[in-house]
Amino acid sequence: MKKQIAENFGGALRLRACGLLVNEQGVLMVRHQGLSDAGYLWAPPGGGMLFGKSVHECLEREFLEETGLQITVEEFLFVNEFHAAPLHAIELFFKVQQTGGRLITGYDPELDPDKQIIEEVKYFQQNDIEDEQGPQLHSIFNKISHPHQLLYLNGYFQNWK
């Protein structure tokens, strides 16, 4: 799986749009197989920007693909730079709100149907964040202790390995 991830996403700088959907259920997260030293990674929904498409279009597409939810983008929050060779990404984080759809475990159209890496989609509460601390949780969660604090982060963060 790591070879496939490196082939599809490695060796180039990727610009990603990520959405933070935070409500009374927690923060929406996607579990990706084969990422991180733990063998999986929990991260907010998001994905690579496409030439000629806006950030809003990217986030709307990624949420629908990964979670089955329709969203609207509300505001820009912060930037996170991630580097763990061969992966390198600049992630733009936005606050989003659900406008429709039904929560499902979605897919990544950049990968073959038999090589999908999305394993699970669920809302994380504070105890989930505490239970998953480590390489299997997106590094931005090292900055907070409660999901709602994500909406008050701003600036530039760096996770360089």
N, C-alpha and C. Protein backbone atom coordinates (compact mmCIF):
# COMPACT_ATOMS: atom_id res chain seq x y z
N MET A 1 0.83 -1.20 0.00
CA MET A 1 0.00 0.00 0.00
C MET A 1 0.87 1.25 0.00
N LYS A 2 1.96 1.24 0.79
CA LYS A 2 2.82 2.42 0.84
C LYS A 2 3.43 2.72 -0.52
N LYS A 3 3.74 1.66 -1.30
CA LYS A 3 4.29 1.86 -2.64
C LYS A 3 3.27 2.57 -3.52
N GLN A 4 2.02 2.14 -3.46
CA GLN A 4 0.97 2.76 -4.26
C GLN A 4 0.79 4.23 -3.87
N ILE A 5 0.82 4.52 -2.59
CA ILE A 5 0.68 5.91 -2.12
C ILE A 5 1.84 6.75 -2.63
N ALA A 6 3.06 6.22 -2.52
CA ALA A 6 4.23 6.95 -3.01
C ALA A 6 4.14 7.19 -4.51
N GLU A 7 3.68 6.19 -5.26
CA GLU A 7 3.57 6.34 -6.72
C GLU A 7 2.51 7.37 -7.10
N ASN A 8 1.39 7.38 -6.39
CA ASN A 8 0.28 8.27 -6.74
C ASN A 8 0.45 9.69 -6.20
N PHE A 9 1.05 9.82 -5.02
CA PHE A 9 1.05 11.12 -4.35
C PHE A 9 2.45 11.63 -4.00
N GLY A 10 3.49 10.82 -4.15
CA GLY A 10 4.83 11.20 -3.71
C GLY A 10 5.65 11.91 -4.76
N GLY A 11 6.77 12.48 -4.31
CA GLY A 11 7.73 13.08 -5.20
C GLY A 11 7.35 14.42 -5.79
N ALA A 12 6.29 15.01 -5.28
CA ALA A 12 5.85 16.32 -5.78
C ALA A 12 5.15 17.06 -4.65
N LEU A 13 5.20 18.37 -4.73
CA LEU A 13 4.47 19.19 -3.77
C LEU A 13 3.00 19.20 -4.15
N ARG A 14 2.15 18.86 -3.21
CA ARG A 14 0.70 18.86 -3.47
C ARG A 14 0.06 20.00 -2.69
N LEU A 15 -0.85 20.68 -3.35
CA LEU A 15 -1.66 21.70 -2.68
C LEU A 15 -3.01 21.05 -2.39
N ARG A 16 -3.36 21.01 -1.10
CA ARG A 16 -4.58 20.33 -0.67
C ARG A 16 -5.52 21.31 0.02
N ALA A 17 -6.81 21.08 -0.16
CA ALA A 17 -7.84 21.81 0.57
C ALA A 17 -8.47 20.83 1.55
N CYS A 18 -8.57 21.23 2.81
CA CYS A 18 -9.11 20.37 3.87
C CYS A 18 -10.25 21.10 4.57
N GLY A 19 -11.29 20.35 4.90
CA GLY A 19 -12.45 20.96 5.53
C GLY A 19 -12.64 20.47 6.95
N LEU A 20 -12.93 21.40 7.84
CA LEU A 20 -13.24 21.07 9.23
C LEU A 20 -14.73 21.22 9.44
N LEU A 21 -15.39 20.07 9.55
CA LEU A 21 -16.82 20.02 9.84
C LEU A 21 -16.94 19.68 11.31
N VAL A 22 -17.21 20.69 12.13
CA VAL A 22 -17.30 20.53 13.58
C VAL A 22 -18.72 20.87 14.00
N ASN A 23 -19.35 19.93 14.71
CA ASN A 23 -20.70 20.16 15.23
C ASN A 23 -20.85 19.44 16.57
N GLU A 24 -22.10 19.26 17.02
CA GLU A 24 -22.33 18.63 18.32
C GLU A 24 -21.84 17.18 18.38
N GLN A 25 -21.63 16.55 17.21
CA GLN A 25 -21.14 15.18 17.17
C GLN A 25 -19.61 15.11 17.26
N GLY A 26 -18.93 16.23 17.05
CA GLY A 26 -17.48 16.27 17.07
C GLY A 26 -16.94 16.84 15.78
N VAL A 27 -15.75 16.38 15.37
CA VAL A 27 -15.13 16.80 14.11
C VAL A 27 -15.10 15.60 13.17
N LEU A 28 -15.52 15.80 11.94
CA LEU A 28 -15.58 14.71 10.98
C LEU A 28 -14.17 14.32 10.54
N MET A 29 -13.90 13.01 10.57
CA MET A 29 -12.57 12.49 10.25
C MET A 29 -12.67 11.31 9.29
N VAL A 30 -11.60 11.11 8.51
CA VAL A 30 -11.49 10.01 7.56
C VAL A 30 -10.25 9.20 7.91
N ARG A 31 -10.42 7.87 7.98
CA ARG A 31 -9.29 6.98 8.26
C ARG A 31 -8.73 6.46 6.94
N HIS A 32 -7.44 6.76 6.71
CA HIS A 32 -6.74 6.35 5.49
C HIS A 32 -5.77 5.22 5.81
N GLN A 33 -5.91 4.11 5.12
CA GLN A 33 -5.03 2.96 5.29
C GLN A 33 -3.67 3.23 4.65
N GLY A 34 -2.61 2.75 5.29
CA GLY A 34 -1.28 2.80 4.70
C GLY A 34 -0.53 4.10 4.89
N LEU A 35 -1.11 5.05 5.58
CA LEU A 35 -0.43 6.32 5.85
C LEU A 35 0.04 6.33 7.29
N SER A 36 1.18 6.87 7.56
CA SER A 36 1.83 7.02 8.87
C SER A 36 2.51 5.73 9.30
N ASP A 37 3.36 5.85 10.28
CA ASP A 37 4.07 4.70 10.83
C ASP A 37 3.15 3.73 11.53
N ALA A 38 1.96 4.17 11.90
CA ALA A 38 0.99 3.30 12.57
C ALA A 38 0.22 2.43 11.57
N GLY A 39 0.36 2.71 10.29
CA GLY A 39 -0.35 1.93 9.27
C GLY A 39 -1.67 2.55 8.83
N TYR A 40 -2.07 3.61 9.50
CA TYR A 40 -3.28 4.34 9.12
C TYR A 40 -3.18 5.76 9.64
N LEU A 41 -4.02 6.63 9.09
CA LEU A 41 -4.02 8.03 9.50
C LEU A 41 -5.46 8.54 9.54
N TRP A 42 -5.83 9.15 10.67
CA TRP A 42 -7.10 9.87 10.79
C TRP A 42 -6.84 11.32 10.45
N ALA A 43 -7.61 11.85 9.50
CA ALA A 43 -7.45 13.25 9.07
C ALA A 43 -8.80 13.80 8.64
N PRO A 44 -8.95 15.12 8.69
CA PRO A 44 -10.18 15.72 8.17
C PRO A 44 -10.30 15.47 6.66
N PRO A 45 -11.51 15.44 6.13
CA PRO A 45 -11.69 15.26 4.69
C PRO A 45 -10.99 16.35 3.90
N GLY A 46 -10.49 15.97 2.74
CA GLY A 46 -9.84 16.94 1.87
C GLY A 46 -9.06 16.24 0.79
N GLY A 47 -8.49 17.03 -0.11
CA GLY A 47 -7.72 16.43 -1.18
C GLY A 47 -7.05 17.46 -2.05
N GLY A 48 -6.41 16.95 -3.08
CA GLY A 48 -5.62 17.78 -3.97
C GLY A 48 -6.45 18.72 -4.82
N MET A 49 -5.89 19.90 -4.99
CA MET A 49 -6.52 20.91 -5.85
C MET A 49 -6.33 20.50 -7.31
N LEU A 50 -7.31 20.80 -8.13
CA LEU A 50 -7.24 20.55 -9.56
C LEU A 50 -7.11 21.88 -10.30
N PHE A 51 -6.28 21.89 -11.33
CA PHE A 51 -6.10 23.10 -12.13
C PHE A 51 -7.45 23.57 -12.67
N GLY A 52 -7.71 24.86 -12.51
CA GLY A 52 -8.93 25.45 -13.03
C GLY A 52 -10.13 25.33 -12.11
N LYS A 53 -9.96 24.70 -10.96
CA LYS A 53 -11.06 24.55 -9.99
C LYS A 53 -10.75 25.37 -8.74
N SER A 54 -11.77 25.96 -8.16
CA SER A 54 -11.58 26.78 -6.96
C SER A 54 -11.44 25.89 -5.72
N VAL A 55 -10.97 26.50 -4.65
CA VAL A 55 -10.88 25.79 -3.36
C VAL A 55 -12.27 25.30 -2.96
N HIS A 56 -13.27 26.13 -3.13
CA HIS A 56 -14.63 25.74 -2.76
C HIS A 56 -15.09 24.52 -3.56
N GLU A 57 -14.81 24.52 -4.86
CA GLU A 57 -15.18 23.37 -5.69
C GLU A 57 -14.43 22.12 -5.25
N CYS A 58 -13.15 22.28 -4.91
CA CYS A 58 -12.34 21.15 -4.45
C CYS A 58 -12.93 20.55 -3.18
N LEU A 59 -13.23 21.39 -2.21
CA LEU A 59 -13.76 20.88 -0.94
C LEU A 59 -15.13 20.23 -1.13
N GLU A 60 -15.98 20.84 -1.93
CA GLU A 60 -17.29 20.25 -2.18
C GLU A 60 -17.14 18.87 -2.81
N ARG A 61 -16.24 18.73 -3.79
CA ARG A 61 -15.98 17.45 -4.46
C ARG A 61 -15.42 16.43 -3.48
N GLU A 62 -14.40 16.83 -2.71
CA GLU A 62 -13.74 15.89 -1.79
C GLU A 62 -14.69 15.39 -0.71
N PHE A 63 -15.50 16.29 -0.15
CA PHE A 63 -16.46 15.85 0.87
C PHE A 63 -17.46 14.86 0.30
N LEU A 64 -17.96 15.12 -0.89
CA LEU A 64 -18.92 14.22 -1.50
C LEU A 64 -18.28 12.86 -1.77
N GLU A 65 -17.06 12.85 -2.33
CA GLU A 65 -16.37 11.60 -2.62
C GLU A 65 -16.04 10.81 -1.36
N GLU A 66 -15.48 11.48 -0.36
CA GLU A 66 -14.96 10.79 0.82
C GLU A 66 -16.02 10.48 1.87
N THR A 67 -17.06 11.34 1.95
CA THR A 67 -18.01 11.20 3.07
C THR A 67 -19.48 11.11 2.65
N GLY A 68 -19.79 11.41 1.40
CA GLY A 68 -21.18 11.44 0.96
C GLY A 68 -21.93 12.70 1.34
N LEU A 69 -21.25 13.65 1.98
CA LEU A 69 -21.91 14.86 2.47
C LEU A 69 -21.73 16.03 1.50
N GLN A 70 -22.77 16.84 1.41
CA GLN A 70 -22.70 18.10 0.69
C GLN A 70 -22.39 19.18 1.72
N ILE A 71 -21.51 20.10 1.34
CA ILE A 71 -21.08 21.14 2.29
C ILE A 71 -21.06 22.50 1.62
N THR A 72 -20.96 23.51 2.45
CA THR A 72 -20.66 24.86 2.00
C THR A 72 -19.42 25.31 2.76
N VAL A 73 -18.55 26.03 2.08
CA VAL A 73 -17.32 26.52 2.70
C VAL A 73 -17.62 27.86 3.35
N GLU A 74 -17.26 27.98 4.63
CA GLU A 74 -17.56 29.21 5.36
C GLU A 74 -16.39 30.17 5.45
N GLU A 75 -15.22 29.69 5.93
CA GLU A 75 -14.10 30.62 6.07
C GLU A 75 -12.77 29.88 6.11
N PHE A 76 -11.73 30.58 5.67
CA PHE A 76 -10.36 30.07 5.75
C PHE A 76 -9.88 30.17 7.19
N LEU A 77 -9.18 29.11 7.67
CA LEU A 77 -8.70 29.10 9.05
C LEU A 77 -7.17 29.15 9.15
N PHE A 78 -6.46 28.20 8.53
CA PHE A 78 -5.00 28.14 8.70
C PHE A 78 -4.37 27.28 7.61
N VAL A 79 -3.02 27.31 7.59
CA VAL A 79 -2.21 26.51 6.66
C VAL A 79 -1.38 25.53 7.46
N ASN A 80 -1.27 24.30 6.96
CA ASN A 80 -0.40 23.31 7.55
C ASN A 80 0.52 22.77 6.46
N GLU A 81 1.83 22.78 6.71
CA GLU A 81 2.77 22.17 5.78
C GLU A 81 3.18 20.82 6.32
N PHE A 82 2.98 19.79 5.51
CA PHE A 82 3.29 18.42 5.90
C PHE A 82 4.41 17.90 5.01
N HIS A 83 5.43 17.29 5.64
CA HIS A 83 6.49 16.65 4.87
C HIS A 83 6.94 15.40 5.59
N ALA A 84 6.79 14.27 4.93
CA ALA A 84 7.34 12.98 5.37
C ALA A 84 7.64 12.24 4.07
N ALA A 85 8.88 12.35 3.61
CA ALA A 85 9.26 11.83 2.30
C ALA A 85 8.70 10.42 2.09
N PRO A 86 8.11 10.20 0.91
CA PRO A 86 8.13 11.02 -0.29
C PRO A 86 6.95 12.00 -0.40
N LEU A 87 6.17 12.16 0.67
CA LEU A 87 5.01 13.05 0.62
C LEU A 87 5.35 14.45 1.10
N HIS A 88 4.80 15.44 0.41
CA HIS A 88 4.98 16.85 0.79
C HIS A 88 3.72 17.59 0.36
N ALA A 89 3.06 18.23 1.31
CA ALA A 89 1.80 18.90 1.00
C ALA A 89 1.67 20.22 1.75
N ILE A 90 1.05 21.17 1.08
CA ILE A 90 0.59 22.41 1.71
C ILE A 90 -0.91 22.25 1.83
N GLU A 91 -1.41 22.28 3.06
CA GLU A 91 -2.83 22.05 3.32
C GLU A 91 -3.50 23.34 3.77
N LEU A 92 -4.54 23.73 3.05
CA LEU A 92 -5.34 24.90 3.39
C LEU A 92 -6.58 24.42 4.11
N PHE A 93 -6.75 24.83 5.36
CA PHE A 93 -7.88 24.37 6.17
C PHE A 93 -8.99 25.42 6.21
N PHE A 94 -10.22 24.95 5.99
CA PHE A 94 -11.40 25.81 5.97
C PHE A 94 -12.48 25.25 6.89
N LYS A 95 -13.24 26.13 7.49
CA LYS A 95 -14.44 25.75 8.23
C LYS A 95 -15.53 25.49 7.21
N VAL A 96 -16.24 24.37 7.36
CA VAL A 96 -17.33 24.03 6.45
C VAL A 96 -18.57 23.66 7.25
N GLN A 97 -19.72 23.71 6.60
CA GLN A 97 -20.99 23.29 7.20
C GLN A 97 -21.67 22.31 6.27
N GLN A 98 -22.32 21.31 6.84
CA GLN A 98 -23.07 20.34 6.05
C GLN A 98 -24.36 20.97 5.56
N THR A 99 -24.67 20.75 4.28
CA THR A 99 -25.92 21.25 3.71
C THR A 99 -26.81 20.13 3.20
N GLY A 100 -26.28 18.91 3.14
CA GLY A 100 -27.07 17.78 2.66
C GLY A 100 -26.24 16.52 2.63
N GLY A 101 -26.84 15.48 2.05
CA GLY A 101 -26.15 14.20 1.91
C GLY A 101 -26.36 13.30 3.11
N ARG A 102 -25.77 12.11 3.00
CA ARG A 102 -25.84 11.10 4.05
C ARG A 102 -24.42 10.57 4.27
N LEU A 103 -24.00 10.47 5.53
CA LEU A 103 -22.64 10.06 5.86
C LEU A 103 -22.39 8.62 5.43
N ILE A 104 -21.35 8.44 4.61
CA ILE A 104 -20.92 7.12 4.14
C ILE A 104 -19.40 7.06 4.21
N THR A 105 -18.86 5.86 4.08
CA THR A 105 -17.43 5.70 3.87
C THR A 105 -17.22 5.74 2.37
N GLY A 106 -16.59 6.80 1.90
CA GLY A 106 -16.47 7.05 0.47
C GLY A 106 -15.26 6.41 -0.17
N TYR A 107 -14.73 7.09 -1.19
CA TYR A 107 -13.67 6.53 -2.02
C TYR A 107 -12.74 7.65 -2.49
N ASP A 108 -11.61 7.23 -3.07
CA ASP A 108 -10.66 8.16 -3.67
C ASP A 108 -10.57 7.84 -5.15
N PRO A 109 -11.13 8.69 -6.03
CA PRO A 109 -11.13 8.38 -7.46
C PRO A 109 -9.74 8.37 -8.10
N GLU A 110 -8.73 8.87 -7.40
CA GLU A 110 -7.37 8.83 -7.93
C GLU A 110 -6.77 7.43 -7.84
N LEU A 111 -7.43 6.54 -7.09
CA LEU A 111 -6.92 5.18 -6.88
C LEU A 111 -7.86 4.16 -7.51
N ASP A 112 -7.29 3.03 -7.93
CA ASP A 112 -8.09 1.95 -8.50
C ASP A 112 -9.11 1.44 -7.47
N PRO A 113 -10.25 0.94 -7.95
CA PRO A 113 -11.29 0.46 -7.02
C PRO A 113 -10.80 -0.61 -6.04
N ASP A 114 -9.87 -1.47 -6.47
CA ASP A 114 -9.37 -2.53 -5.59
C ASP A 114 -8.19 -2.08 -4.72
N LYS A 115 -7.84 -0.78 -4.81
CA LYS A 115 -6.71 -0.26 -4.03
C LYS A 115 -7.09 0.98 -3.25
N GLN A 116 -8.32 1.03 -2.80
CA GLN A 116 -8.81 2.18 -2.04
C GLN A 116 -8.15 2.23 -0.66
N ILE A 117 -7.94 3.45 -0.14
CA ILE A 117 -7.30 3.60 1.17
C ILE A 117 -8.25 4.16 2.23
N ILE A 118 -9.43 4.63 1.83
CA ILE A 118 -10.38 5.14 2.82
C ILE A 118 -11.07 3.96 3.48
N GLU A 119 -10.87 3.82 4.80
CA GLU A 119 -11.40 2.68 5.54
C GLU A 119 -12.64 3.01 6.36
N GLU A 120 -12.72 4.24 6.85
CA GLU A 120 -13.79 4.59 7.78
C GLU A 120 -13.95 6.11 7.82
N VAL A 121 -15.18 6.54 8.08
CA VAL A 121 -15.48 7.96 8.26
C VAL A 121 -16.32 8.07 9.52
N LYS A 122 -15.91 8.94 10.45
CA LYS A 122 -16.70 9.11 11.67
C LYS A 122 -16.38 10.44 12.33
N TYR A 123 -17.25 10.83 13.25
CA TYR A 123 -17.02 12.03 14.04
C TYR A 123 -16.15 11.68 15.24
N PHE A 124 -15.15 12.52 15.50
CA PHE A 124 -14.27 12.37 16.65
C PHE A 124 -14.71 13.32 17.75
N GLN A 125 -14.85 12.76 18.94
CA GLN A 125 -15.07 13.55 20.15
C GLN A 125 -13.72 13.74 20.83
N GLN A 126 -13.71 14.46 21.92
CA GLN A 126 -12.47 14.72 22.66
C GLN A 126 -11.78 13.42 23.05
N ASN A 127 -12.53 12.43 23.54
CA ASN A 127 -11.91 11.17 23.97
C ASN A 127 -11.27 10.42 22.80
N ASP A 128 -11.84 10.54 21.59
CA ASP A 128 -11.23 9.91 20.42
C ASP A 128 -9.88 10.54 20.10
N ILE A 129 -9.81 11.85 20.21
CA ILE A 129 -8.55 12.56 19.97
C ILE A 129 -7.50 12.10 20.98
N GLU A 130 -7.89 11.98 22.24
CA GLU A 130 -6.95 11.52 23.27
C GLU A 130 -6.52 10.09 23.02
N ASP A 131 -7.44 9.22 22.61
CA ASP A 131 -7.13 7.81 22.37
C ASP A 131 -6.21 7.60 21.17
N GLU A 132 -6.30 8.47 20.18
CA GLU A 132 -5.55 8.28 18.94
C GLU A 132 -4.29 9.14 18.85
N GLN A 133 -3.86 9.78 19.93
CA GLN A 133 -2.65 10.61 19.86
C GLN A 133 -1.48 9.77 19.37
N GLY A 134 -0.72 10.33 18.45
CA GLY A 134 0.42 9.63 17.88
C GLY A 134 0.46 9.84 16.38
N PRO A 135 1.29 9.05 15.68
CA PRO A 135 1.45 9.26 14.24
C PRO A 135 0.20 8.96 13.43
N GLN A 136 -0.77 8.28 14.03
CA GLN A 136 -1.99 7.92 13.33
C GLN A 136 -3.05 9.03 13.33
N LEU A 137 -2.74 10.17 13.94
CA LEU A 137 -3.67 11.30 14.01
C LEU A 137 -3.01 12.51 13.35
N HIS A 138 -3.74 13.17 12.46
CA HIS A 138 -3.19 14.34 11.76
C HIS A 138 -2.51 15.26 12.78
N SER A 139 -1.35 15.79 12.42
CA SER A 139 -0.53 16.56 13.34
C SER A 139 -1.21 17.81 13.89
N ILE A 140 -2.21 18.33 13.21
CA ILE A 140 -2.87 19.54 13.69
C ILE A 140 -3.56 19.29 15.03
N PHE A 141 -3.87 18.03 15.32
CA PHE A 141 -4.54 17.69 16.57
C PHE A 141 -3.61 17.76 17.77
N ASN A 142 -2.30 17.89 17.52
CA ASN A 142 -1.36 18.13 18.62
C ASN A 142 -1.51 19.54 19.18
N LYS A 143 -2.19 20.41 18.45
CA LYS A 143 -2.35 21.81 18.86
C LYS A 143 -3.60 22.05 19.70
N ILE A 144 -4.45 21.04 19.85
CA ILE A 144 -5.74 21.24 20.53
C ILE A 144 -6.01 20.13 21.53
N SER A 145 -6.98 20.36 22.41
CA SER A 145 -7.44 19.32 23.32
C SER A 145 -8.93 19.02 23.14
N HIS A 146 -9.63 19.85 22.36
CA HIS A 146 -11.06 19.65 22.12
C HIS A 146 -11.36 20.00 20.66
N PRO A 147 -12.23 19.22 19.98
CA PRO A 147 -12.50 19.46 18.56
C PRO A 147 -12.87 20.90 18.21
N HIS A 148 -13.65 21.57 19.03
CA HIS A 148 -14.09 22.93 18.71
C HIS A 148 -12.93 23.94 18.68
N GLN A 149 -11.80 23.61 19.32
CA GLN A 149 -10.64 24.50 19.29
C GLN A 149 -10.04 24.61 17.89
N LEU A 150 -10.31 23.63 17.02
CA LEU A 150 -9.81 23.70 15.65
C LEU A 150 -10.28 24.97 14.95
N LEU A 151 -11.48 25.41 15.27
CA LEU A 151 -12.08 26.56 14.60
C LEU A 151 -11.45 27.88 15.02
N TYR A 152 -10.57 27.85 16.03
CA TYR A 152 -9.92 29.06 16.51
C TYR A 152 -8.43 29.09 16.20
N LEU A 153 -7.93 28.05 15.52
CA LEU A 153 -6.53 28.06 15.09
C LEU A 153 -6.38 29.01 13.92
N ASN A 154 -5.24 29.66 13.84
CA ASN A 154 -4.94 30.47 12.66
C ASN A 154 -3.43 30.55 12.51
N GLY A 155 -2.99 30.88 11.31
CA GLY A 155 -1.57 31.00 11.05
C GLY A 155 -1.04 29.84 10.23
N TYR A 156 0.26 29.61 10.39
CA TYR A 156 0.99 28.61 9.62
C TYR A 156 1.57 27.58 10.59
N PHE A 157 1.34 26.30 10.30
CA PHE A 157 1.87 25.21 11.12
C PHE A 157 2.72 24.30 10.22
N GLN A 158 3.72 23.69 10.83
CA GLN A 158 4.63 22.87 10.05
C GLN A 158 4.85 21.53 10.73
N ASN A 159 4.77 20.46 9.96
CA ASN A 159 5.07 19.11 10.42
C ASN A 159 6.08 18.53 9.43
N TRP A 160 7.35 18.64 9.77
CA TRP A 160 8.43 18.27 8.86
C TRP A 160 9.20 17.10 9.45
N LYS A 161 9.22 15.99 8.72
CA LYS A 161 9.96 14.81 9.18
C LYS A 161 11.07 14.48 8.21
